[in-house]
């Protein structure tokens, strides 16, 4: 018998299910890493579009600040409500921030959208790391984290080139519109493939009231 509020014993995943789960988190990892660098080469174009060069550095800084502040929250959400729920929240917030950025009429709105995007981006990579640890058996974790590192590094390296290409030949807002179809695919994959992941929720326990 398990004590109330304790997670039940998780049934180990088969090798096939483990591969499905790993595949399911690689796209969110790609999205999170891409947005760390994709604006680097597009900043001059954005500045010319808004006629404001002073606020451009905040587009990078606010994303990093929001991502750093939001990252610990996802660990708590994942423990209470489950890994799949936390990752879906991260993808949804990232898409919402991307939509605000794509439609931004001013640099201030664009900065605010980047803050929302950063909060979502914090969970794309951090929750995925937790899921990889849950899904992969110890002897396979090195290989799984290798896949994670390849995707993360590749996305980060491609970001500046892709951002400059989109800003120069289409429009800088295409950088953010790109996240909408990617996010929808990531939500569909997360909702389906991560159902195979063992549930490890730990509901919050109410604190006993002190006696008077």
N, C-alpha and C. Protein backbone atom coordinates (compact mmCIF):
# COMPACT_ATOMS: atom_id res chain seq x y z
N UNK A 1 0.85 -1.20 0.00
CA UNK A 1 0.00 0.00 0.00
C UNK A 1 0.88 1.24 0.00
N UNK A 2 0.49 2.24 -0.82
CA UNK A 2 1.23 3.49 -0.86
C UNK A 2 0.53 4.50 0.03
N UNK A 3 1.31 5.31 0.70
CA UNK A 3 0.75 6.36 1.52
C UNK A 3 0.02 7.36 0.64
N UNK A 4 -1.04 8.02 1.16
CA UNK A 4 -1.78 9.00 0.37
C UNK A 4 -0.84 10.09 -0.13
N UNK A 5 -0.99 10.47 -1.39
CA UNK A 5 -0.17 11.53 -1.95
C UNK A 5 1.14 11.05 -2.50
N UNK A 6 1.51 9.78 -2.28
CA UNK A 6 2.77 9.27 -2.81
C UNK A 6 2.54 8.69 -4.19
N UNK A 7 3.50 8.87 -5.13
CA UNK A 7 3.34 8.31 -6.46
C UNK A 7 3.44 6.81 -6.41
N UNK A 8 2.61 6.13 -7.21
CA UNK A 8 2.67 4.69 -7.26
C UNK A 8 3.91 4.24 -8.00
N UNK A 9 4.27 2.97 -7.84
CA UNK A 9 5.46 2.47 -8.49
C UNK A 9 5.29 2.55 -10.00
N UNK A 10 6.24 3.20 -10.66
CA UNK A 10 6.15 3.41 -12.09
C UNK A 10 6.55 2.15 -12.83
N UNK A 11 5.74 1.80 -13.82
CA UNK A 11 6.06 0.64 -14.64
C UNK A 11 7.16 1.02 -15.60
N UNK A 12 8.25 0.24 -15.67
CA UNK A 12 9.35 0.60 -16.56
C UNK A 12 8.90 0.64 -18.02
N UNK A 13 9.45 1.60 -18.76
CA UNK A 13 9.14 1.69 -20.18
C UNK A 13 9.93 0.66 -20.96
N UNK A 14 9.33 0.16 -22.03
CA UNK A 14 10.07 -0.69 -22.94
C UNK A 14 11.03 0.16 -23.75
N UNK A 15 11.96 -0.48 -24.42
CA UNK A 15 12.93 0.26 -25.23
C UNK A 15 12.22 1.06 -26.32
N UNK A 16 11.19 0.45 -26.91
CA UNK A 16 10.43 1.15 -27.97
C UNK A 16 9.72 2.38 -27.41
N UNK A 17 9.08 2.25 -26.25
CA UNK A 17 8.39 3.38 -25.64
C UNK A 17 9.38 4.47 -25.24
N UNK A 18 10.55 4.07 -24.75
CA UNK A 18 11.58 5.03 -24.38
C UNK A 18 11.99 5.88 -25.58
N UNK A 19 12.16 5.23 -26.72
CA UNK A 19 12.54 5.97 -27.93
C UNK A 19 11.43 6.93 -28.35
N UNK A 20 10.17 6.51 -28.21
CA UNK A 20 9.07 7.40 -28.54
C UNK A 20 9.07 8.64 -27.64
N UNK A 21 9.30 8.44 -26.34
CA UNK A 21 9.32 9.56 -25.40
C UNK A 21 10.47 10.50 -25.71
N UNK A 22 11.64 9.95 -25.99
CA UNK A 22 12.80 10.78 -26.31
C UNK A 22 12.54 11.60 -27.57
N UNK A 23 11.95 10.95 -28.59
CA UNK A 23 11.60 11.68 -29.80
C UNK A 23 10.63 12.82 -29.49
N UNK A 24 9.72 12.58 -28.55
CA UNK A 24 8.70 13.57 -28.23
C UNK A 24 9.24 14.84 -27.60
N UNK A 25 10.40 14.77 -26.95
CA UNK A 25 10.93 15.97 -26.28
C UNK A 25 12.02 16.67 -27.08
N UNK A 26 12.48 16.08 -28.18
CA UNK A 26 13.57 16.70 -28.93
C UNK A 26 13.12 17.98 -29.65
N UNK A 27 11.87 18.02 -30.13
CA UNK A 27 11.39 19.24 -30.79
C UNK A 27 11.29 20.42 -29.82
N UNK A 28 10.71 20.26 -28.61
CA UNK A 28 10.76 21.36 -27.64
C UNK A 28 12.18 21.80 -27.30
N UNK A 29 13.11 20.85 -27.20
CA UNK A 29 14.51 21.21 -26.95
C UNK A 29 15.05 22.07 -28.09
N UNK A 30 14.74 21.67 -29.32
CA UNK A 30 15.18 22.43 -30.49
C UNK A 30 14.62 23.86 -30.45
N UNK A 31 13.33 23.99 -30.13
CA UNK A 31 12.70 25.31 -30.09
C UNK A 31 13.33 26.19 -29.01
N UNK A 32 13.56 25.61 -27.82
CA UNK A 32 14.13 26.40 -26.74
C UNK A 32 15.53 26.89 -27.04
N UNK A 33 16.35 26.05 -27.65
CA UNK A 33 17.71 26.46 -27.98
C UNK A 33 17.73 27.47 -29.12
N UNK A 34 16.85 27.28 -30.11
CA UNK A 34 16.82 28.17 -31.27
C UNK A 34 16.54 29.61 -30.85
N UNK A 35 15.60 29.79 -29.92
CA UNK A 35 15.22 31.15 -29.54
C UNK A 35 16.26 31.84 -28.67
N UNK A 36 17.25 31.12 -28.20
CA UNK A 36 18.34 31.76 -27.47
C UNK A 36 19.23 32.58 -28.40
N UNK A 37 19.30 32.20 -29.67
CA UNK A 37 20.27 32.82 -30.58
C UNK A 37 19.67 33.39 -31.85
N UNK A 38 18.43 33.10 -32.19
CA UNK A 38 17.89 33.43 -33.50
C UNK A 38 17.76 34.93 -33.73
N UNK A 39 17.64 35.73 -32.67
CA UNK A 39 17.49 37.18 -32.85
C UNK A 39 18.82 37.90 -33.02
N UNK A 40 19.93 37.22 -32.76
CA UNK A 40 21.24 37.90 -32.71
C UNK A 40 21.54 38.68 -33.99
N UNK A 41 21.33 38.06 -35.14
CA UNK A 41 21.67 38.71 -36.40
C UNK A 41 20.51 39.52 -36.97
N UNK A 42 19.33 39.43 -36.36
CA UNK A 42 18.16 40.17 -36.86
C UNK A 42 17.94 41.49 -36.12
N UNK A 43 18.71 41.76 -35.08
CA UNK A 43 18.49 42.97 -34.28
C UNK A 43 18.60 44.25 -35.10
N UNK A 44 19.61 44.40 -35.95
CA UNK A 44 19.67 45.65 -36.75
C UNK A 44 18.42 45.86 -37.61
N UNK A 45 17.90 44.79 -38.21
CA UNK A 45 16.70 44.91 -39.04
C UNK A 45 15.50 45.31 -38.20
N UNK A 46 15.38 44.73 -37.00
CA UNK A 46 14.27 45.09 -36.10
C UNK A 46 14.39 46.54 -35.67
N UNK A 47 15.61 46.98 -35.35
CA UNK A 47 15.82 48.37 -34.96
C UNK A 47 15.44 49.34 -36.05
N UNK A 48 15.78 49.03 -37.30
CA UNK A 48 15.40 49.91 -38.41
C UNK A 48 13.88 49.91 -38.60
N UNK A 49 13.25 48.76 -38.37
CA UNK A 49 11.80 48.68 -38.55
C UNK A 49 11.04 49.54 -37.57
N UNK A 50 11.53 49.60 -36.34
CA UNK A 50 10.85 50.39 -35.31
C UNK A 50 11.46 51.78 -35.15
N UNK A 51 12.59 52.01 -35.78
CA UNK A 51 13.27 53.29 -35.60
C UNK A 51 13.75 53.48 -34.19
N UNK A 52 14.12 52.41 -33.54
CA UNK A 52 14.57 52.45 -32.14
C UNK A 52 15.70 51.45 -31.97
N UNK A 53 16.90 51.97 -31.73
CA UNK A 53 18.05 51.10 -31.52
C UNK A 53 18.34 50.90 -30.03
N UNK A 54 17.82 51.79 -29.18
CA UNK A 54 18.17 51.76 -27.76
C UNK A 54 17.63 50.53 -27.05
N UNK A 55 16.45 50.05 -27.44
CA UNK A 55 15.83 48.94 -26.71
C UNK A 55 16.18 47.57 -27.23
N UNK A 56 17.05 47.49 -28.24
CA UNK A 56 17.32 46.20 -28.87
C UNK A 56 17.98 45.20 -27.93
N UNK A 57 18.89 45.68 -27.08
CA UNK A 57 19.59 44.74 -26.18
C UNK A 57 18.62 44.08 -25.21
N UNK A 58 17.50 44.76 -24.91
CA UNK A 58 16.53 44.18 -23.99
C UNK A 58 15.81 42.98 -24.59
N UNK A 59 15.80 42.88 -25.91
CA UNK A 59 15.15 41.73 -26.54
C UNK A 59 15.88 40.44 -26.20
N UNK A 60 17.18 40.52 -26.01
CA UNK A 60 17.97 39.36 -25.60
C UNK A 60 17.97 39.21 -24.09
N UNK A 61 18.19 40.35 -23.40
CA UNK A 61 18.33 40.32 -21.94
C UNK A 61 17.06 39.86 -21.26
N UNK A 62 15.90 40.39 -21.69
CA UNK A 62 14.65 40.06 -21.01
C UNK A 62 14.30 38.59 -21.20
N UNK A 63 14.65 38.03 -22.35
CA UNK A 63 14.39 36.61 -22.58
C UNK A 63 15.20 35.76 -21.60
N UNK A 64 16.48 36.10 -21.45
CA UNK A 64 17.34 35.33 -20.55
C UNK A 64 16.91 35.49 -19.10
N UNK A 65 16.52 36.71 -18.71
CA UNK A 65 16.06 36.94 -17.34
C UNK A 65 14.78 36.16 -17.05
N UNK A 66 13.83 36.22 -17.97
CA UNK A 66 12.56 35.51 -17.77
C UNK A 66 12.78 34.01 -17.74
N UNK A 67 13.65 33.50 -18.61
CA UNK A 67 13.92 32.07 -18.64
C UNK A 67 14.59 31.61 -17.34
N UNK A 68 15.52 32.40 -16.83
CA UNK A 68 16.20 32.05 -15.58
C UNK A 68 15.24 32.07 -14.41
N UNK A 69 14.35 33.07 -14.38
CA UNK A 69 13.40 33.18 -13.28
C UNK A 69 12.34 32.08 -13.33
N UNK A 70 11.94 31.69 -14.54
CA UNK A 70 10.87 30.71 -14.67
C UNK A 70 11.30 29.27 -14.53
N UNK A 71 12.58 28.99 -14.69
CA UNK A 71 13.03 27.60 -14.71
C UNK A 71 12.72 26.83 -13.42
N UNK A 72 12.96 27.41 -12.22
CA UNK A 72 12.63 26.63 -11.01
C UNK A 72 11.14 26.31 -10.86
N UNK A 73 10.29 27.16 -11.43
CA UNK A 73 8.85 26.93 -11.29
C UNK A 73 8.40 25.67 -12.02
N UNK A 74 9.06 25.37 -13.12
CA UNK A 74 8.65 24.21 -13.90
C UNK A 74 8.95 22.90 -13.17
N UNK A 75 10.01 22.88 -12.37
CA UNK A 75 10.29 21.69 -11.58
C UNK A 75 9.17 21.40 -10.61
N UNK A 76 8.66 22.44 -9.96
CA UNK A 76 7.55 22.27 -9.01
C UNK A 76 6.27 21.85 -9.72
N UNK A 77 5.98 22.51 -10.87
CA UNK A 77 4.77 22.16 -11.63
C UNK A 77 4.86 20.72 -12.12
N UNK A 78 6.04 20.31 -12.59
CA UNK A 78 6.20 18.94 -13.09
C UNK A 78 6.03 17.91 -11.97
N UNK A 79 6.47 18.24 -10.76
CA UNK A 79 6.31 17.32 -9.63
C UNK A 79 4.86 17.21 -9.19
N UNK A 80 4.12 18.31 -9.27
CA UNK A 80 2.74 18.32 -8.77
C UNK A 80 1.76 17.80 -9.82
N UNK A 81 1.91 18.26 -11.05
CA UNK A 81 0.91 17.97 -12.09
C UNK A 81 1.41 17.03 -13.18
N UNK A 82 2.66 16.67 -13.15
CA UNK A 82 3.18 15.74 -14.15
C UNK A 82 4.05 16.41 -15.20
N UNK A 83 4.94 15.61 -15.79
CA UNK A 83 5.90 16.14 -16.77
C UNK A 83 5.19 16.62 -18.04
N UNK A 84 4.22 15.85 -18.52
CA UNK A 84 3.55 16.20 -19.76
C UNK A 84 2.79 17.52 -19.61
N UNK A 85 2.11 17.70 -18.48
CA UNK A 85 1.38 18.94 -18.24
C UNK A 85 2.33 20.13 -18.21
N UNK A 86 3.46 19.99 -17.51
CA UNK A 86 4.42 21.09 -17.42
C UNK A 86 4.99 21.45 -18.79
N UNK A 87 5.28 20.45 -19.61
CA UNK A 87 5.83 20.72 -20.93
C UNK A 87 4.79 21.39 -21.83
N UNK A 88 3.53 20.97 -21.72
CA UNK A 88 2.47 21.62 -22.49
C UNK A 88 2.30 23.09 -22.09
N UNK A 89 2.41 23.37 -20.80
CA UNK A 89 2.34 24.76 -20.33
C UNK A 89 3.48 25.57 -20.92
N UNK A 90 4.68 25.01 -20.94
CA UNK A 90 5.84 25.70 -21.48
C UNK A 90 5.66 25.99 -22.97
N UNK A 91 5.19 25.01 -23.72
CA UNK A 91 4.97 25.20 -25.15
C UNK A 91 3.90 26.26 -25.40
N UNK A 92 2.80 26.20 -24.61
CA UNK A 92 1.75 27.18 -24.77
C UNK A 92 2.21 28.60 -24.47
N UNK A 93 2.98 28.78 -23.40
CA UNK A 93 3.50 30.11 -23.06
C UNK A 93 4.47 30.61 -24.13
N UNK A 94 5.29 29.70 -24.63
CA UNK A 94 6.24 30.07 -25.68
C UNK A 94 5.51 30.51 -26.94
N UNK A 95 4.45 29.81 -27.31
CA UNK A 95 3.67 30.20 -28.48
C UNK A 95 2.96 31.53 -28.27
N UNK A 96 2.42 31.74 -27.07
CA UNK A 96 1.74 33.00 -26.78
C UNK A 96 2.70 34.18 -26.87
N UNK A 97 3.89 34.01 -26.30
CA UNK A 97 4.90 35.06 -26.40
C UNK A 97 5.32 35.31 -27.84
N UNK A 98 5.44 34.24 -28.63
CA UNK A 98 5.82 34.38 -30.03
C UNK A 98 4.75 35.14 -30.81
N UNK A 99 3.48 34.88 -30.50
CA UNK A 99 2.38 35.58 -31.19
C UNK A 99 2.39 37.06 -30.85
N UNK A 100 2.62 37.40 -29.57
CA UNK A 100 2.72 38.81 -29.17
C UNK A 100 3.86 39.49 -29.91
N UNK A 101 5.00 38.80 -30.00
CA UNK A 101 6.16 39.38 -30.69
C UNK A 101 5.88 39.59 -32.17
N UNK A 102 5.26 38.62 -32.80
CA UNK A 102 4.99 38.71 -34.25
C UNK A 102 4.06 39.86 -34.58
N UNK A 103 3.14 40.18 -33.68
CA UNK A 103 2.15 41.23 -33.92
C UNK A 103 2.50 42.54 -33.23
N UNK A 104 3.69 42.62 -32.62
CA UNK A 104 4.06 43.78 -31.81
C UNK A 104 4.07 45.07 -32.64
N UNK A 105 3.35 46.12 -32.18
CA UNK A 105 3.35 47.39 -32.90
C UNK A 105 4.47 48.33 -32.45
N UNK A 106 5.17 47.97 -31.38
CA UNK A 106 6.24 48.83 -30.86
C UNK A 106 7.30 47.96 -30.21
N UNK A 107 8.44 48.57 -29.96
CA UNK A 107 9.56 47.84 -29.35
C UNK A 107 9.22 47.42 -27.93
N UNK A 108 8.40 48.21 -27.21
CA UNK A 108 8.03 47.87 -25.84
C UNK A 108 7.16 46.62 -25.80
N UNK A 109 6.22 46.52 -26.73
CA UNK A 109 5.37 45.33 -26.80
C UNK A 109 6.22 44.12 -27.20
N UNK A 110 7.18 44.34 -28.09
CA UNK A 110 8.06 43.25 -28.50
C UNK A 110 8.89 42.74 -27.32
N UNK A 111 9.36 43.66 -26.49
CA UNK A 111 10.11 43.27 -25.29
C UNK A 111 9.23 42.47 -24.34
N UNK A 112 7.97 42.93 -24.16
CA UNK A 112 7.04 42.21 -23.29
C UNK A 112 6.77 40.81 -23.83
N UNK A 113 6.60 40.70 -25.14
CA UNK A 113 6.39 39.39 -25.74
C UNK A 113 7.59 38.48 -25.56
N UNK A 114 8.78 39.03 -25.64
CA UNK A 114 9.99 38.23 -25.41
C UNK A 114 10.06 37.73 -23.97
N UNK A 115 9.54 38.52 -23.03
CA UNK A 115 9.51 38.08 -21.63
C UNK A 115 8.60 36.86 -21.48
N UNK A 116 7.42 36.92 -22.10
CA UNK A 116 6.50 35.78 -22.05
C UNK A 116 7.12 34.58 -22.75
N UNK A 117 7.76 34.84 -23.87
CA UNK A 117 8.42 33.77 -24.62
C UNK A 117 9.53 33.13 -23.78
N UNK A 118 10.26 33.94 -23.03
CA UNK A 118 11.32 33.41 -22.17
C UNK A 118 10.79 32.53 -21.06
N UNK A 119 9.64 32.91 -20.50
CA UNK A 119 9.02 32.08 -19.46
C UNK A 119 8.67 30.71 -20.03
N UNK A 120 8.14 30.70 -21.26
CA UNK A 120 7.86 29.42 -21.90
C UNK A 120 9.11 28.67 -22.26
N UNK A 121 10.10 29.38 -22.78
CA UNK A 121 11.36 28.75 -23.16
C UNK A 121 12.09 28.09 -22.01
N UNK A 122 11.88 28.62 -20.79
CA UNK A 122 12.52 28.03 -19.62
C UNK A 122 12.13 26.58 -19.43
N UNK A 123 10.88 26.25 -19.74
CA UNK A 123 10.41 24.88 -19.54
C UNK A 123 10.69 23.95 -20.69
N UNK A 124 10.95 24.51 -21.89
CA UNK A 124 11.15 23.65 -23.05
C UNK A 124 12.35 22.72 -22.87
N UNK A 125 13.44 23.27 -22.35
CA UNK A 125 14.64 22.46 -22.16
C UNK A 125 14.68 21.80 -20.80
N UNK A 126 14.30 22.55 -19.74
CA UNK A 126 14.44 22.01 -18.38
C UNK A 126 13.52 20.82 -18.14
N UNK A 127 12.25 20.91 -18.57
CA UNK A 127 11.33 19.79 -18.38
C UNK A 127 11.75 18.61 -19.25
N UNK A 128 12.27 18.90 -20.44
CA UNK A 128 12.72 17.82 -21.32
C UNK A 128 13.87 17.04 -20.69
N UNK A 129 14.76 17.72 -19.99
CA UNK A 129 15.86 17.03 -19.30
C UNK A 129 15.31 16.10 -18.23
N UNK A 130 14.32 16.58 -17.47
CA UNK A 130 13.69 15.75 -16.44
C UNK A 130 13.03 14.52 -17.06
N UNK A 131 12.34 14.73 -18.18
CA UNK A 131 11.67 13.61 -18.85
C UNK A 131 12.68 12.58 -19.34
N UNK A 132 13.79 13.04 -19.89
CA UNK A 132 14.82 12.10 -20.33
C UNK A 132 15.35 11.28 -19.17
N UNK A 133 15.52 11.92 -18.01
CA UNK A 133 15.97 11.18 -16.83
C UNK A 133 14.96 10.17 -16.35
N UNK A 134 13.66 10.49 -16.48
CA UNK A 134 12.61 9.56 -16.08
C UNK A 134 12.48 8.39 -17.04
N UNK A 135 12.62 8.68 -18.34
CA UNK A 135 12.31 7.67 -19.35
C UNK A 135 13.46 6.70 -19.59
N UNK A 136 14.68 7.22 -19.61
CA UNK A 136 15.82 6.39 -20.02
C UNK A 136 16.38 5.62 -18.83
N UNK A 137 16.64 4.33 -18.99
CA UNK A 137 17.32 3.57 -17.93
C UNK A 137 18.76 4.07 -17.78
N UNK A 138 19.36 3.85 -16.61
CA UNK A 138 20.71 4.42 -16.36
C UNK A 138 21.73 4.10 -17.44
N UNK A 139 21.73 2.89 -17.97
CA UNK A 139 22.74 2.53 -18.96
C UNK A 139 22.52 3.20 -20.31
N UNK A 140 21.30 3.74 -20.54
CA UNK A 140 21.00 4.39 -21.81
C UNK A 140 21.03 5.92 -21.71
N UNK A 141 21.20 6.46 -20.50
CA UNK A 141 21.08 7.90 -20.34
C UNK A 141 22.19 8.67 -21.05
N UNK A 142 23.39 8.12 -21.07
CA UNK A 142 24.47 8.79 -21.76
C UNK A 142 24.16 9.01 -23.23
N UNK A 143 23.62 7.97 -23.88
CA UNK A 143 23.26 8.09 -25.29
C UNK A 143 22.11 9.08 -25.47
N UNK A 144 21.12 9.03 -24.57
CA UNK A 144 19.97 9.93 -24.69
C UNK A 144 20.38 11.38 -24.51
N UNK A 145 21.23 11.64 -23.52
CA UNK A 145 21.70 13.01 -23.34
C UNK A 145 22.60 13.44 -24.48
N UNK A 146 23.22 12.48 -25.16
CA UNK A 146 23.97 12.80 -26.37
C UNK A 146 23.05 13.33 -27.46
N UNK A 147 21.89 12.67 -27.65
CA UNK A 147 20.90 13.16 -28.60
C UNK A 147 20.44 14.58 -28.22
N UNK A 148 20.19 14.76 -26.93
CA UNK A 148 19.78 16.07 -26.41
C UNK A 148 20.83 17.13 -26.76
N UNK A 149 22.10 16.82 -26.51
CA UNK A 149 23.18 17.78 -26.74
C UNK A 149 23.32 18.11 -28.22
N UNK A 150 23.18 17.09 -29.07
CA UNK A 150 23.30 17.33 -30.52
C UNK A 150 22.21 18.28 -31.00
N UNK A 151 20.97 18.01 -30.58
CA UNK A 151 19.85 18.86 -31.01
C UNK A 151 20.00 20.27 -30.45
N UNK A 152 20.34 20.38 -29.18
CA UNK A 152 20.47 21.70 -28.54
C UNK A 152 21.58 22.52 -29.19
N UNK A 153 22.73 21.89 -29.42
CA UNK A 153 23.85 22.60 -30.01
C UNK A 153 23.58 22.98 -31.45
N UNK A 154 22.99 22.08 -32.21
CA UNK A 154 22.68 22.35 -33.61
C UNK A 154 21.70 23.51 -33.75
N UNK A 155 20.65 23.51 -32.93
CA UNK A 155 19.67 24.60 -32.99
C UNK A 155 20.31 25.93 -32.62
N UNK A 156 21.13 25.94 -31.58
CA UNK A 156 21.79 27.18 -31.19
C UNK A 156 22.74 27.71 -32.24
N UNK A 157 23.44 26.80 -32.93
CA UNK A 157 24.38 27.21 -33.97
C UNK A 157 23.67 27.72 -35.22
N UNK A 158 22.50 27.15 -35.52
CA UNK A 158 21.74 27.55 -36.72
C UNK A 158 20.93 28.82 -36.49
N UNK A 159 20.71 29.20 -35.23
CA UNK A 159 19.85 30.33 -34.92
C UNK A 159 20.23 31.63 -35.61
N UNK A 160 21.48 32.12 -35.46
CA UNK A 160 21.84 33.40 -36.08
C UNK A 160 21.67 33.41 -37.60
N UNK A 161 22.09 32.32 -38.26
CA UNK A 161 21.96 32.26 -39.72
C UNK A 161 20.50 32.26 -40.14
N UNK A 162 19.67 31.48 -39.45
CA UNK A 162 18.25 31.40 -39.80
C UNK A 162 17.56 32.73 -39.52
N UNK A 163 17.86 33.36 -38.38
CA UNK A 163 17.25 34.64 -38.05
C UNK A 163 17.62 35.72 -39.05
N UNK A 164 18.88 35.78 -39.43
CA UNK A 164 19.29 36.77 -40.43
C UNK A 164 18.65 36.53 -41.78
N UNK A 165 18.51 35.27 -42.16
CA UNK A 165 17.89 34.92 -43.44
C UNK A 165 16.43 35.34 -43.48
N UNK A 166 15.69 35.02 -42.42
CA UNK A 166 14.27 35.37 -42.38
C UNK A 166 14.06 36.88 -42.33
N UNK A 167 14.88 37.57 -41.54
CA UNK A 167 14.72 39.02 -41.41
C UNK A 167 15.08 39.75 -42.69
N UNK A 168 16.07 39.23 -43.41
CA UNK A 168 16.55 39.91 -44.61
C UNK A 168 15.67 39.65 -45.81
N UNK A 169 15.18 38.42 -45.97
CA UNK A 169 14.47 38.06 -47.19
C UNK A 169 12.95 38.00 -47.01
N UNK A 170 12.45 37.90 -45.80
CA UNK A 170 11.01 37.92 -45.55
C UNK A 170 10.68 39.14 -44.69
N UNK A 171 10.61 38.94 -43.40
CA UNK A 171 10.34 40.02 -42.44
C UNK A 171 10.78 39.51 -41.09
N UNK A 172 11.21 40.43 -40.21
CA UNK A 172 11.69 39.96 -38.91
C UNK A 172 10.61 39.22 -38.13
N UNK A 173 9.34 39.54 -38.37
CA UNK A 173 8.27 38.85 -37.64
C UNK A 173 8.18 37.38 -38.01
N UNK A 174 8.74 36.99 -39.17
CA UNK A 174 8.73 35.58 -39.56
C UNK A 174 9.50 34.72 -38.56
N UNK A 175 10.44 35.32 -37.85
CA UNK A 175 11.19 34.60 -36.81
C UNK A 175 10.23 34.08 -35.75
N UNK A 176 9.24 34.88 -35.42
CA UNK A 176 8.29 34.50 -34.38
C UNK A 176 7.12 33.69 -34.94
N UNK A 177 6.70 33.99 -36.17
CA UNK A 177 5.64 33.18 -36.78
C UNK A 177 6.08 31.74 -36.94
N UNK A 178 7.37 31.51 -37.12
CA UNK A 178 7.90 30.16 -37.27
C UNK A 178 7.58 29.29 -36.06
N UNK A 179 7.53 29.92 -34.86
CA UNK A 179 7.29 29.15 -33.64
C UNK A 179 5.86 28.64 -33.51
N UNK A 180 4.92 29.22 -34.26
CA UNK A 180 3.53 28.79 -34.14
C UNK A 180 3.33 27.39 -34.70
N UNK A 181 3.70 27.11 -35.96
CA UNK A 181 3.56 25.72 -36.44
C UNK A 181 4.45 24.74 -35.68
N UNK A 182 5.68 25.18 -35.33
CA UNK A 182 6.54 24.29 -34.55
C UNK A 182 5.90 23.96 -33.19
N UNK A 183 5.29 24.97 -32.56
CA UNK A 183 4.65 24.76 -31.27
C UNK A 183 3.45 23.84 -31.37
N UNK A 184 2.66 24.00 -32.43
CA UNK A 184 1.49 23.13 -32.60
C UNK A 184 1.92 21.67 -32.80
N UNK A 185 2.97 21.46 -33.58
CA UNK A 185 3.49 20.10 -33.76
C UNK A 185 4.01 19.56 -32.43
N UNK A 186 4.74 20.41 -31.69
CA UNK A 186 5.28 19.98 -30.40
C UNK A 186 4.17 19.62 -29.42
N UNK A 187 3.07 20.41 -29.41
CA UNK A 187 1.94 20.09 -28.54
C UNK A 187 1.30 18.76 -28.91
N UNK A 188 1.13 18.53 -30.21
CA UNK A 188 0.53 17.27 -30.66
C UNK A 188 1.41 16.09 -30.28
N UNK A 189 2.71 16.23 -30.49
CA UNK A 189 3.64 15.15 -30.16
C UNK A 189 3.68 14.91 -28.66
N UNK A 190 3.72 16.00 -27.89
CA UNK A 190 3.76 15.88 -26.43
C UNK A 190 2.49 15.22 -25.90
N UNK A 191 1.34 15.64 -26.43
CA UNK A 191 0.07 15.10 -25.94
C UNK A 191 -0.09 13.62 -26.25
N UNK A 192 0.52 13.15 -27.33
CA UNK A 192 0.35 11.75 -27.72
C UNK A 192 1.48 10.86 -27.20
N UNK A 193 2.72 11.20 -27.54
CA UNK A 193 3.83 10.31 -27.21
C UNK A 193 4.14 10.26 -25.72
N UNK A 194 3.97 11.39 -25.02
CA UNK A 194 4.34 11.40 -23.60
C UNK A 194 3.28 10.76 -22.72
N UNK A 195 2.18 10.28 -23.28
CA UNK A 195 1.24 9.50 -22.49
C UNK A 195 1.86 8.20 -22.01
N UNK A 196 2.91 7.76 -22.69
CA UNK A 196 3.59 6.52 -22.31
C UNK A 196 4.48 6.70 -21.08
N UNK A 197 4.76 7.96 -20.73
CA UNK A 197 5.68 8.23 -19.62
C UNK A 197 5.03 7.86 -18.29
N UNK A 198 5.74 7.15 -17.40
CA UNK A 198 5.19 6.84 -16.08
C UNK A 198 4.83 8.12 -15.32
N UNK A 199 3.73 8.10 -14.61
CA UNK A 199 3.27 9.26 -13.84
C UNK A 199 3.98 9.29 -12.49
N UNK A 200 4.51 10.49 -12.14
CA UNK A 200 5.28 10.64 -10.90
C UNK A 200 4.82 11.86 -10.11
N UNK A 201 3.54 12.22 -10.22
CA UNK A 201 3.07 13.41 -9.52
C UNK A 201 3.20 13.26 -8.00
N UNK A 202 3.49 14.37 -7.35
CA UNK A 202 3.53 14.43 -5.89
C UNK A 202 2.64 15.59 -5.46
N UNK A 203 1.36 15.33 -5.19
CA UNK A 203 0.45 16.42 -4.81
C UNK A 203 0.93 17.13 -3.55
N UNK A 204 0.65 18.44 -3.51
CA UNK A 204 1.01 19.21 -2.32
C UNK A 204 0.22 18.72 -1.12
N UNK A 205 0.90 18.62 0.01
CA UNK A 205 0.22 18.22 1.24
C UNK A 205 -0.08 19.46 2.07
N UNK A 206 -1.27 19.49 2.62
CA UNK A 206 -1.63 20.61 3.46
C UNK A 206 -0.87 20.54 4.78
N UNK A 207 -0.41 21.68 5.23
CA UNK A 207 0.33 21.73 6.48
C UNK A 207 -0.62 21.61 7.67
N UNK A 208 -0.24 20.82 8.67
CA UNK A 208 -1.12 20.71 9.85
C UNK A 208 -1.16 22.05 10.59
N UNK A 209 -2.35 22.40 11.03
CA UNK A 209 -2.51 23.67 11.74
C UNK A 209 -1.93 23.54 13.15
N UNK A 210 -1.27 24.61 13.54
CA UNK A 210 -0.67 24.61 14.88
C UNK A 210 -1.76 24.69 15.95
N UNK A 211 -1.56 23.95 17.00
CA UNK A 211 -2.53 23.98 18.10
C UNK A 211 -2.39 25.27 18.89
N UNK A 212 -3.51 25.80 19.28
CA UNK A 212 -3.49 27.02 20.10
C UNK A 212 -3.37 26.70 21.57
